[in-house]
Amino acid sequence: MLLASARGDIAGVISAIIYVYEILIIVFIVVQLLFAAGLRPPYSRASNAVLQFLRDTVEPYLRLFRRFLPSFGGWDFSPILALISLQLINSIVVEGIIG
């Protein structure tokens, strides 16, 4: 009984971490689209720190997919592939831990 509870807790934590990382990827995509549209915030340390954090956390993971998936006419489909792979990893890992 205790082992099942611990496994469920571990699965919940892993699922939450993956969910937060997916949100970070989506926020990064939205920020990049806003920058491409010409909407840049004025320089401030806070906004620069947030943007640097997003870039440092999301870019290494997206770079893995950019190696295999070229950009098509300026469109970058690597975030879509990254989000799909995170969903697959989430379902496989969580089901593997619980099941």
PDB file of N, CA and C in Angstrom:
ATOM      1  N   MET A   1       0.829  -1.187   0.000  1.00  0.00           N
ATOM      2  CA  MET A   1       0.000   0.000   0.000  1.00  0.00           C
ATOM      3  C   MET A   1       0.873   1.249   0.000  1.00  0.00           C
ATOM      4  N   LEU A   2       1.911   1.261   0.808  1.00  0.00           N
ATOM      5  CA  LEU A   2       2.801   2.411   0.881  1.00  0.00           C
ATOM      6  C   LEU A   2       3.567   2.589  -0.419  1.00  0.00           C
ATOM      7  N   LEU A   3       3.969   1.471  -1.026  1.00  0.00           N
ATOM      8  CA  LEU A   3       4.705   1.535  -2.284  1.00  0.00           C
ATOM      9  C   LEU A   3       3.835   2.100  -3.395  1.00  0.00           C
ATOM     10  N   ALA A   4       2.566   1.714  -3.441  1.00  0.00           N
ATOM     11  CA  ALA A   4       1.657   2.236  -4.461  1.00  0.00           C
ATOM     12  C   ALA A   4       1.441   3.727  -4.286  1.00  0.00           C
ATOM     13  N   SER A   5       1.358   4.167  -3.052  1.00  0.00           N
ATOM     14  CA  SER A   5       1.186   5.594  -2.792  1.00  0.00           C
ATOM     15  C   SER A   5       2.424   6.386  -3.216  1.00  0.00           C
ATOM     16  N   ALA A   6       3.604   5.860  -2.919  1.00  0.00           N
ATOM     17  CA  ALA A   6       4.843   6.535  -3.299  1.00  0.00           C
ATOM     18  C   ALA A   6       4.983   6.579  -4.819  1.00  0.00           C
ATOM     19  N   ARG A   7       4.620   5.492  -5.487  1.00  0.00           N
ATOM     20  CA  ARG A   7       4.689   5.468  -6.944  1.00  0.00           C
ATOM     21  C   ARG A   7       3.733   6.476  -7.549  1.00  0.00           C
ATOM     22  N   GLY A   8       2.560   6.604  -6.976  1.00  0.00           N
ATOM     23  CA  GLY A   8       1.602   7.589  -7.460  1.00  0.00           C
ATOM     24  C   GLY A   8       2.091   9.012  -7.252  1.00  0.00           C
ATOM     25  N   ASP A   9       2.738   9.251  -6.108  1.00  0.00           N
ATOM     26  CA  ASP A   9       3.285  10.574  -5.836  1.00  0.00           C
ATOM     27  C   ASP A   9       4.421  10.917  -6.796  1.00  0.00           C
ATOM     28  N   ILE A  10       5.289   9.952  -7.055  1.00  0.00           N
ATOM     29  CA  ILE A  10       6.393  10.172  -7.992  1.00  0.00           C
ATOM     30  C   ILE A  10       5.852  10.442  -9.389  1.00  0.00           C
ATOM     31  N   ALA A  11       4.856   9.685  -9.804  1.00  0.00           N
ATOM     32  CA  ALA A  11       4.246   9.898 -11.120  1.00  0.00           C
ATOM     33  C   ALA A  11       3.614  11.281 -11.200  1.00  0.00           C
ATOM     34  N   GLY A  12       2.987  11.722 -10.123  1.00  0.00           N
ATOM     35  CA  GLY A  12       2.389  13.052 -10.102  1.00  0.00           C
ATOM     36  C   GLY A  12       3.419  14.161 -10.208  1.00  0.00           C
ATOM     37  N   VAL A  13       4.543  13.996  -9.521  1.00  0.00           N
ATOM     38  CA  VAL A  13       5.607  15.007  -9.580  1.00  0.00           C
ATOM     39  C   VAL A  13       6.214  15.063 -10.983  1.00  0.00           C
ATOM     40  N   ILE A  14       6.487  13.912 -11.578  1.00  0.00           N
ATOM     41  CA  ILE A  14       7.051  13.882 -12.926  1.00  0.00           C
ATOM     42  C   ILE A  14       6.085  14.506 -13.921  1.00  0.00           C
ATOM     43  N   SER A  15       4.815  14.182 -13.786  1.00  0.00           N
ATOM     44  CA  SER A  15       3.805  14.757 -14.667  1.00  0.00           C
ATOM     45  C   SER A  15       3.718  16.269 -14.512  1.00  0.00           C
ATOM     46  N   ALA A  16       3.820  16.763 -13.284  1.00  0.00           N
ATOM     47  CA  ALA A  16       3.766  18.204 -13.044  1.00  0.00           C
ATOM     48  C   ALA A  16       4.990  18.902 -13.631  1.00  0.00           C
ATOM     49  N   ILE A  17       6.165  18.301 -13.507  1.00  0.00           N
ATOM     50  CA  ILE A  17       7.382  18.893 -14.069  1.00  0.00           C
ATOM     51  C   ILE A  17       7.278  18.981 -15.591  1.00  0.00           C
ATOM     52  N   ILE A  18       6.786  17.930 -16.211  1.00  0.00           N
ATOM     53  CA  ILE A  18       6.625  17.943 -17.662  1.00  0.00           C
ATOM     54  C   ILE A  18       5.601  18.994 -18.073  1.00  0.00           C
ATOM     55  N   TYR A  19       4.521  19.131 -17.314  1.00  0.00           N
ATOM     56  CA  TYR A  19       3.489  20.126 -17.605  1.00  0.00           C
ATOM     57  C   TYR A  19       4.059  21.547 -17.511  1.00  0.00           C
ATOM     58  N   VAL A  20       4.855  21.824 -16.499  1.00  0.00           N
ATOM     59  CA  VAL A  20       5.467  23.148 -16.344  1.00  0.00           C
ATOM     60  C   VAL A  20       6.425  23.418 -17.501  1.00  0.00           C
ATOM     61  N   TYR A  21       7.170  22.426 -17.920  1.00  0.00           N
ATOM     62  CA  TYR A  21       8.090  22.618 -19.039  1.00  0.00           C
ATOM     63  C   TYR A  21       7.326  22.875 -20.332  1.00  0.00           C
ATOM     64  N   GLU A  22       6.184  22.222 -20.505  1.00  0.00           N
ATOM     65  CA  GLU A  22       5.350  22.493 -21.674  1.00  0.00           C
ATOM     66  C   GLU A  22       4.852  23.932 -21.656  1.00  0.00           C
ATOM     67  N   ILE A  23       4.476  24.427 -20.502  1.00  0.00           N
ATOM     68  CA  ILE A  23       4.032  25.819 -20.391  1.00  0.00           C
ATOM     69  C   ILE A  23       5.177  26.769 -20.722  1.00  0.00           C
ATOM     70  N   LEU A  24       6.381  26.459 -20.262  1.00  0.00           N
ATOM     71  CA  LEU A  24       7.547  27.288 -20.588  1.00  0.00           C
ATOM     72  C   LEU A  24       7.792  27.335 -22.093  1.00  0.00           C
ATOM     73  N   ILE A  25       7.638  26.213 -22.759  1.00  0.00           N
ATOM     74  CA  ILE A  25       7.815  26.176 -24.211  1.00  0.00           C
ATOM     75  C   ILE A  25       6.762  27.041 -24.891  1.00  0.00           C
ATOM     76  N   ILE A  26       5.520  26.954 -24.446  1.00  0.00           N
ATOM     77  CA  ILE A  26       4.447  27.747 -25.048  1.00  0.00           C
ATOM     78  C   ILE A  26       4.679  29.236 -24.815  1.00  0.00           C
ATOM     79  N   VAL A  27       5.090  29.618 -23.616  1.00  0.00           N
ATOM     80  CA  VAL A  27       5.380  31.025 -23.334  1.00  0.00           C
ATOM     81  C   VAL A  27       6.539  31.502 -24.205  1.00  0.00           C
ATOM     82  N   PHE A  28       7.546  30.671 -24.372  1.00  0.00           N
ATOM     83  CA  PHE A  28       8.682  31.025 -25.217  1.00  0.00           C
ATOM     84  C   PHE A  28       8.228  31.244 -26.659  1.00  0.00           C
ATOM     85  N   ILE A  29       7.349  30.387 -27.155  1.00  0.00           N
ATOM     86  CA  ILE A  29       6.833  30.529 -28.520  1.00  0.00           C
ATOM     87  C   ILE A  29       6.075  31.844 -28.666  1.00  0.00           C
ATOM     88  N   VAL A  30       5.221  32.149 -27.710  1.00  0.00           N
ATOM     89  CA  VAL A  30       4.431  33.383 -27.776  1.00  0.00           C
ATOM     90  C   VAL A  30       5.341  34.612 -27.741  1.00  0.00           C
ATOM     91  N   VAL A  31       6.344  34.592 -26.870  1.00  0.00           N
ATOM     92  CA  VAL A  31       7.278  35.722 -26.780  1.00  0.00           C
ATOM     93  C   VAL A  31       8.027  35.882 -28.094  1.00  0.00           C
ATOM     94  N   GLN A  32       8.465  34.794 -28.695  1.00  0.00           N
ATOM     95  CA  GLN A  32       9.183  34.875 -29.964  1.00  0.00           C
ATOM     96  C   GLN A  32       8.288  35.400 -31.075  1.00  0.00           C
ATOM     97  N   LEU A  33       7.005  35.013 -31.071  1.00  0.00           N
ATOM     98  CA  LEU A  33       6.068  35.534 -32.070  1.00  0.00           C
ATOM     99  C   LEU A  33       5.838  37.028 -31.885  1.00  0.00           C
ATOM    100  N   LEU A  34       5.741  37.468 -30.636  1.00  0.00           N
ATOM    101  CA  LEU A  34       5.582  38.900 -30.374  1.00  0.00           C
ATOM    102  C   LEU A  34       6.814  39.682 -30.820  1.00  0.00           C
ATOM    103  N   PHE A  35       7.991  39.120 -30.584  1.00  0.00           N
ATOM    104  CA  PHE A  35       9.214  39.774 -31.029  1.00  0.00           C
ATOM    105  C   PHE A  35       9.256  39.840 -32.555  1.00  0.00           C
ATOM    106  N   ALA A  36       8.808  38.780 -33.216  1.00  0.00           N
ATOM    107  CA  ALA A  36       8.795  38.771 -34.677  1.00  0.00           C
ATOM    108  C   ALA A  36       7.814  39.808 -35.225  1.00  0.00           C
ATOM    109  N   ALA A  37       6.761  40.103 -34.453  1.00  0.00           N
ATOM    110  CA  ALA A  37       5.787  41.107 -34.872  1.00  0.00           C
ATOM    111  C   ALA A  37       6.275  42.519 -34.586  1.00  0.00           C
ATOM    112  N   GLY A  38       7.393  42.652 -33.912  1.00  0.00           N
ATOM    113  CA  GLY A  38       7.954  43.960 -33.643  1.00  0.00           C
ATOM    114  C   GLY A  38       7.605  44.523 -32.284  1.00  0.00           C
ATOM    115  N   LEU A  39       6.992  43.750 -31.436  1.00  0.00           N
ATOM    116  CA  LEU A  39       6.630  44.203 -30.096  1.00  0.00           C
ATOM    117  C   LEU A  39       7.719  43.807 -29.112  1.00  0.00           C
ATOM    118  N   ARG A  40       8.597  44.721 -28.847  1.00  0.00           N
ATOM    119  CA  ARG A  40       9.676  44.476 -27.882  1.00  0.00           C
ATOM    120  C   ARG A  40       9.474  45.360 -26.677  1.00  0.00           C
ATOM    121  N   PRO A  41       9.576  44.768 -25.495  1.00  0.00           N
ATOM    122  CA  PRO A  41       9.442  45.614 -24.297  1.00  0.00           C
ATOM    123  C   PRO A  41      10.680  46.492 -24.129  1.00  0.00           C
ATOM    124  N   PRO A  42      10.524  47.637 -23.504  1.00  0.00           N
ATOM    125  CA  PRO A  42      11.714  48.453 -23.248  1.00  0.00           C
ATOM    126  C   PRO A  42      12.661  47.691 -22.310  1.00  0.00           C
ATOM    127  N   TYR A  43      13.927  48.018 -22.397  1.00  0.00           N
ATOM    128  CA  TYR A  43      14.913  47.289 -21.604  1.00  0.00           C
ATOM    129  C   TYR A  43      14.678  47.507 -20.109  1.00  0.00           C
ATOM    130  N   SER A  44      14.626  46.417 -19.408  1.00  0.00           N
ATOM    131  CA  SER A  44      14.616  46.441 -17.955  1.00  0.00           C
ATOM    132  C   SER A  44      15.283  45.157 -17.477  1.00  0.00           C
ATOM    133  N   ARG A  45      15.819  45.205 -16.307  1.00  0.00           N
ATOM    134  CA  ARG A  45      16.507  44.016 -15.790  1.00  0.00           C
ATOM    135  C   ARG A  45      15.555  42.854 -15.582  1.00  0.00           C
ATOM    136  N   ALA A  46      14.344  43.145 -15.129  1.00  0.00           N
ATOM    137  CA  ALA A  46      13.378  42.074 -14.850  1.00  0.00           C
ATOM    138  C   ALA A  46      12.964  41.363 -16.136  1.00  0.00           C
ATOM    139  N   SER A  47      12.584  42.121 -17.157  1.00  0.00           N
ATOM    140  CA  SER A  47      12.153  41.479 -18.396  1.00  0.00           C
ATOM    141  C   SER A  47      13.325  40.767 -19.067  1.00  0.00           C
ATOM    142  N   ASN A  48      14.500  41.345 -18.993  1.00  0.00           N
ATOM    143  CA  ASN A  48      15.671  40.697 -19.566  1.00  0.00           C
ATOM    144  C   ASN A  48      15.991  39.392 -18.839  1.00  0.00           C
ATOM    145  N   ALA A  49      15.825  39.365 -17.537  1.00  0.00           N
ATOM    146  CA  ALA A  49      16.080  38.147 -16.770  1.00  0.00           C
ATOM    147  C   ALA A  49      15.077  37.058 -17.124  1.00  0.00           C
ATOM    148  N   VAL A  50      13.820  37.442 -17.276  1.00  0.00           N
ATOM    149  CA  VAL A  50      12.786  36.457 -17.630  1.00  0.00           C
ATOM    150  C   VAL A  50      13.041  35.905 -19.024  1.00  0.00           C
ATOM    151  N   LEU A  51      13.341  36.778 -19.967  1.00  0.00           N
ATOM    152  CA  LEU A  51      13.602  36.329 -21.332  1.00  0.00           C
ATOM    153  C   LEU A  51      14.847  35.452 -21.401  1.00  0.00           C
ATOM    154  N   GLN A  52      15.873  35.795 -20.651  1.00  0.00           N
ATOM    155  CA  GLN A  52      17.085  34.977 -20.625  1.00  0.00           C
ATOM    156  C   GLN A  52      16.804  33.613 -19.993  1.00  0.00           C
ATOM    157  N   PHE A  53      15.987  33.588 -18.942  1.00  0.00           N
ATOM    158  CA  PHE A  53      15.612  32.321 -18.315  1.00  0.00           C
ATOM    159  C   PHE A  53      14.859  31.434 -19.299  1.00  0.00           C
ATOM    160  N   LEU A  54      13.895  32.010 -20.008  1.00  0.00           N
ATOM    161  CA  LEU A  54      13.147  31.230 -20.997  1.00  0.00           C
ATOM    162  C   LEU A  54      14.082  30.686 -22.072  1.00  0.00           C
ATOM    163  N   ARG A  55      14.957  31.520 -22.554  1.00  0.00           N
ATOM    164  CA  ARG A  55      15.885  31.094 -23.605  1.00  0.00           C
ATOM    165  C   ARG A  55      16.813  29.988 -23.105  1.00  0.00           C
ATOM    166  N   ASP A  56      17.320  30.147 -21.900  1.00  0.00           N
ATOM    167  CA  ASP A  56      18.259  29.155 -21.366  1.00  0.00           C
ATOM    168  C   ASP A  56      17.603  27.821 -21.044  1.00  0.00           C
ATOM    169  N   THR A  57      16.329  27.830 -20.702  1.00  0.00           N
ATOM    170  CA  THR A  57      15.667  26.571 -20.343  1.00  0.00           C
ATOM    171  C   THR A  57      15.052  25.860 -21.537  1.00  0.00           C
ATOM    172  N   VAL A  58      14.583  26.612 -22.528  1.00  0.00           N
ATOM    173  CA  VAL A  58      13.835  25.995 -23.627  1.00  0.00           C
ATOM    174  C   VAL A  58      14.713  25.703 -24.845  1.00  0.00           C
ATOM    175  N   GLU A  59      15.638  26.596 -25.162  1.00  0.00           N
ATOM    176  CA  GLU A  59      16.446  26.447 -26.372  1.00  0.00           C
ATOM    177  C   GLU A  59      17.225  25.127 -26.460  1.00  0.00           C
ATOM    178  N   PRO A  60      17.873  24.650 -25.396  1.00  0.00           N
ATOM    179  CA  PRO A  60      18.611  23.380 -25.553  1.00  0.00           C
ATOM    180  C   PRO A  60      17.714  22.210 -25.953  1.00  0.00           C
ATOM    181  N   TYR A  61      16.506  22.162 -25.417  1.00  0.00           N
ATOM    182  CA  TYR A  61      15.584  21.075 -25.762  1.00  0.00           C
ATOM    183  C   TYR A  61      15.092  21.239 -27.200  1.00  0.00           C
ATOM    184  N   LEU A  62      14.765  22.461 -27.597  1.00  0.00           N
ATOM    185  CA  LEU A  62      14.289  22.679 -28.960  1.00  0.00           C
ATOM    186  C   LEU A  62      15.388  22.452 -29.982  1.00  0.00           C
ATOM    187  N   ARG A  63      16.615  22.726 -29.603  1.00  0.00           N
ATOM    188  CA  ARG A  63      17.746  22.528 -30.511  1.00  0.00           C
ATOM    189  C   ARG A  63      17.884  21.061 -30.908  1.00  0.00           C
ATOM    190  N   LEU A  64      17.500  20.149 -30.028  1.00  0.00           N
ATOM    191  CA  LEU A  64      17.533  18.723 -30.372  1.00  0.00           C
ATOM    192  C   LEU A  64      16.657  18.427 -31.579  1.00  0.00           C
ATOM    193  N   PHE A  65      15.497  19.068 -31.634  1.00  0.00           N
ATOM    194  CA  PHE A  65      14.560  18.809 -32.720  1.00  0.00           C
ATOM    195  C   PHE A  65      14.892  19.620 -33.968  1.00  0.00           C
ATOM    196  N   ARG A  66      15.546  20.744 -33.805  1.00  0.00           N
ATOM    197  CA  ARG A  66      15.923  21.557 -34.960  1.00  0.00           C
ATOM    198  C   ARG A  66      16.999  20.887 -35.795  1.00  0.00           C
ATOM    199  N   ARG A  67      17.740  19.985 -35.205  1.00  0.00           N
ATOM    200  CA  ARG A  67      18.740  19.246 -35.978  1.00  0.00           C
ATOM    201  C   ARG A  67      18.084  18.347 -37.011  1.00  0.00           C
ATOM    202  N   PHE A  68      16.938  17.774 -36.639  1.00  0.00           N
ATOM    203  CA  PHE A  68      16.268  16.819 -37.514  1.00  0.00           C
ATOM    204  C   PHE A  68      15.204  17.463 -38.394  1.00  0.00           C
ATOM    205  N   LEU A  69      14.660  18.565 -37.961  1.00  0.00           N
ATOM    206  CA  LEU A  69      13.539  19.187 -38.642  1.00  0.00           C
ATOM    207  C   LEU A  69      13.951  20.569 -39.144  1.00  0.00           C
ATOM    208  N   PRO A  70      14.121  20.730 -40.439  1.00  0.00           N
ATOM    209  CA  PRO A  70      14.520  22.051 -40.946  1.00  0.00           C
ATOM    210  C   PRO A  70      13.348  23.034 -40.876  1.00  0.00           C
ATOM    211  N   SER A  71      13.647  24.321 -40.890  1.00  0.00           N
ATOM    212  CA  SER A  71      12.579  25.316 -40.909  1.00  0.00           C
ATOM    213  C   SER A  71      12.056  25.439 -42.334  1.00  0.00           C
ATOM    214  N   PHE A  72      10.767  25.623 -42.438  1.00  0.00           N
ATOM    215  CA  PHE A  72      10.115  25.699 -43.731  1.00  0.00           C
ATOM    216  C   PHE A  72       9.672  27.129 -43.986  1.00  0.00           C
ATOM    217  N   GLY A  73      10.442  27.862 -44.777  1.00  0.00           N
ATOM    218  CA  GLY A  73      10.072  29.220 -45.131  1.00  0.00           C
ATOM    219  C   GLY A  73       9.941  30.145 -43.934  1.00  0.00           C
ATOM    220  N   GLY A  74      10.795  29.994 -42.963  1.00  0.00           N
ATOM    221  CA  GLY A  74      10.739  30.840 -41.780  1.00  0.00           C
ATOM    222  C   GLY A  74       9.890  30.278 -40.653  1.00  0.00           C
ATOM    223  N   TRP A  75       9.188  29.213 -40.893  1.00  0.00           N
ATOM    224  CA  TRP A  75       8.370  28.577 -39.854  1.00  0.00           C
ATOM    225  C   TRP A  75       9.185  27.503 -39.160  1.00  0.00           C
ATOM    226  N   ASP A  76       9.139  27.524 -37.854  1.00  0.00           N
ATOM    227  CA  ASP A  76       9.880  26.560 -37.053  1.00  0.00           C
ATOM    228  C   ASP A  76       8.888  25.601 -36.406  1.00  0.00           C
ATOM    229  N   PHE A  77       8.914  24.346 -36.831  1.00  0.00           N
ATOM    230  CA  PHE A  77       7.982  23.355 -36.310  1.00  0.00           C
ATOM    231  C   PHE A  77       8.578  22.520 -35.177  1.00  0.00           C
ATOM    232  N   SER A  78       9.775  22.853 -34.746  1.00  0.00           N
ATOM    233  CA  SER A  78      10.397  22.086 -33.673  1.00  0.00           C
ATOM    234  C   SER A  78       9.637  22.185 -32.346  1.00  0.00           C
ATOM    235  N   PRO A  79       9.002  23.316 -31.977  1.00  0.00           N
ATOM    236  CA  PRO A  79       8.239  23.324 -30.728  1.00  0.00           C
ATOM    237  C   PRO A  79       7.045  22.370 -30.743  1.00  0.00           C
ATOM    238  N   ILE A  80       6.430  22.204 -31.904  1.00  0.00           N
ATOM    239  CA  ILE A  80       5.305  21.277 -31.997  1.00  0.00           C
ATOM    240  C   ILE A  80       5.781  19.861 -31.754  1.00  0.00           C
ATOM    241  N   LEU A  81       6.871  19.500 -32.404  1.00  0.00           N
ATOM    242  CA  LEU A  81       7.438  18.167 -32.213  1.00  0.00           C
ATOM    243  C   LEU A  81       7.915  17.971 -30.778  1.00  0.00           C
ATOM    244  N   ALA A  82       8.466  19.025 -30.183  1.00  0.00           N
ATOM    245  CA  ALA A  82       8.926  18.945 -28.795  1.00  0.00           C
ATOM    246  C   ALA A  82       7.751  18.734 -27.842  1.00  0.00           C
ATOM    247  N   LEU A  83       6.651  19.444 -28.058  1.00  0.00           N
ATOM    248  CA  LEU A  83       5.477  19.278 -27.192  1.00  0.00           C
ATOM    249  C   LEU A  83       4.845  17.892 -27.351  1.00  0.00           C
ATOM    250  N   ILE A  84       4.791  17.411 -28.579  1.00  0.00           N
ATOM    251  CA  ILE A  84       4.246  16.060 -28.801  1.00  0.00           C
ATOM    252  C   ILE A  84       5.119  15.017 -28.115  1.00  0.00           C
ATOM    253  N   SER A  85       6.440  15.161 -28.223  1.00  0.00           N
ATOM    254  CA  SER A  85       7.321  14.182 -27.580  1.00  0.00           C
ATOM    255  C   SER A  85       7.208  14.253 -26.058  1.00  0.00           C
ATOM    256  N   LEU A  86       7.020  15.450 -25.503  1.00  0.00           N
ATOM    257  CA  LEU A  86       6.825  15.559 -24.053  1.00  0.00           C
ATOM    258  C   LEU A  86       5.532  14.872 -23.622  1.00  0.00           C
ATOM    259  N   GLN A  87       4.492  15.016 -24.420  1.00  0.00           N
ATOM    260  CA  GLN A  87       3.244  14.334 -24.103  1.00  0.00           C
ATOM    261  C   GLN A  87       3.414  12.818 -24.149  1.00  0.00           C
ATOM    262  N   LEU A  88       4.131  12.326 -25.145  1.00  0.00           N
ATOM    263  CA  LEU A  88       4.386  10.882 -25.232  1.00  0.00           C
ATOM    264  C   LEU A  88       5.221  10.396 -24.053  1.00  0.00           C
ATOM    265  N   ILE A  89       6.256  11.148 -23.714  1.00  0.00           N
ATOM    266  CA  ILE A  89       7.095  10.767 -22.576  1.00  0.00           C
ATOM    267  C   ILE A  89       6.280  10.769 -21.295  1.00  0.00           C
ATOM    268  N   ASN A  90       5.431  11.775 -21.145  1.00  0.00           N
ATOM    269  CA  ASN A  90       4.594  11.861 -19.963  1.00  0.00           C
ATOM    270  C   ASN A  90       3.682  10.652 -19.840  1.00  0.00           C
ATOM    271  N   SER A  91       3.019  10.305 -20.934  1.00  0.00           N
ATOM    272  CA  SER A  91       2.094   9.164 -20.864  1.00  0.00           C
ATOM    273  C   SER A  91       2.827   7.850 -20.645  1.00  0.00           C
ATOM    274  N   ILE A  92       3.965   7.675 -21.300  1.00  0.00           N
ATOM    275  CA  ILE A  92       4.712   6.418 -21.149  1.00  0.00           C
ATOM    276  C   ILE A  92       5.296   6.294 -19.756  1.00  0.00           C
ATOM    277  N   VAL A  93       5.918   7.352 -19.255  1.00  0.00           N
ATOM    278  CA  VAL A  93       6.575   7.293 -17.943  1.00  0.00           C
ATOM    279  C   VAL A  93       5.552   7.174 -16.832  1.00  0.00           C
ATOM    280  N   VAL A  94       4.524   7.996 -16.887  1.00  0.00           N
ATOM    281  CA  VAL A  94       3.527   7.957 -15.804  1.00  0.00           C
ATOM    282  C   VAL A  94       2.791   6.621 -15.801  1.00  0.00           C
ATOM    283  N   GLU A  95       2.425   6.120 -16.961  1.00  0.00           N
ATOM    284  CA  GLU A  95       1.759   4.811 -17.009  1.00  0.00           C
ATOM    285  C   GLU A  95       2.723   3.708 -16.573  1.00  0.00           C
ATOM    286  N   GLY A  96       4.005   3.849 -16.895  1.00  0.00           N
ATOM    287  CA  GLY A  96       4.989   2.852 -16.476  1.00  0.00           C
ATOM    288  C   GLY A  96       5.204   2.842 -14.980  1.00  0.00           C
ATOM    289  N   ILE A  97       5.142   4.016 -14.357  1.00  0.00           N
ATOM    290  CA  ILE A  97       5.328   4.076 -12.906  1.00  0.00           C
ATOM    291  C   ILE A  97       4.084   3.590 -12.180  1.00  0.00           C
ATOM    292  N   ILE A  98       2.929   4.020 -12.640  1.00  0.00           N
ATOM    293  CA  ILE A  98       1.690   3.636 -11.950  1.00  0.00           C
ATOM    294  C   ILE A  98       1.337   2.191 -12.226  1.00  0.00           C
ATOM    295  N   GLY A  99       1.493   1.799 -13.495  1.00  0.00           N
ATOM    296  CA  GLY A  99       1.061   0.460 -13.900  1.00  0.00           C
ATOM    297  C   GLY A  99       1.990  -0.576 -13.505  1.00  0.00           C
TER     298      GLY A  99
END
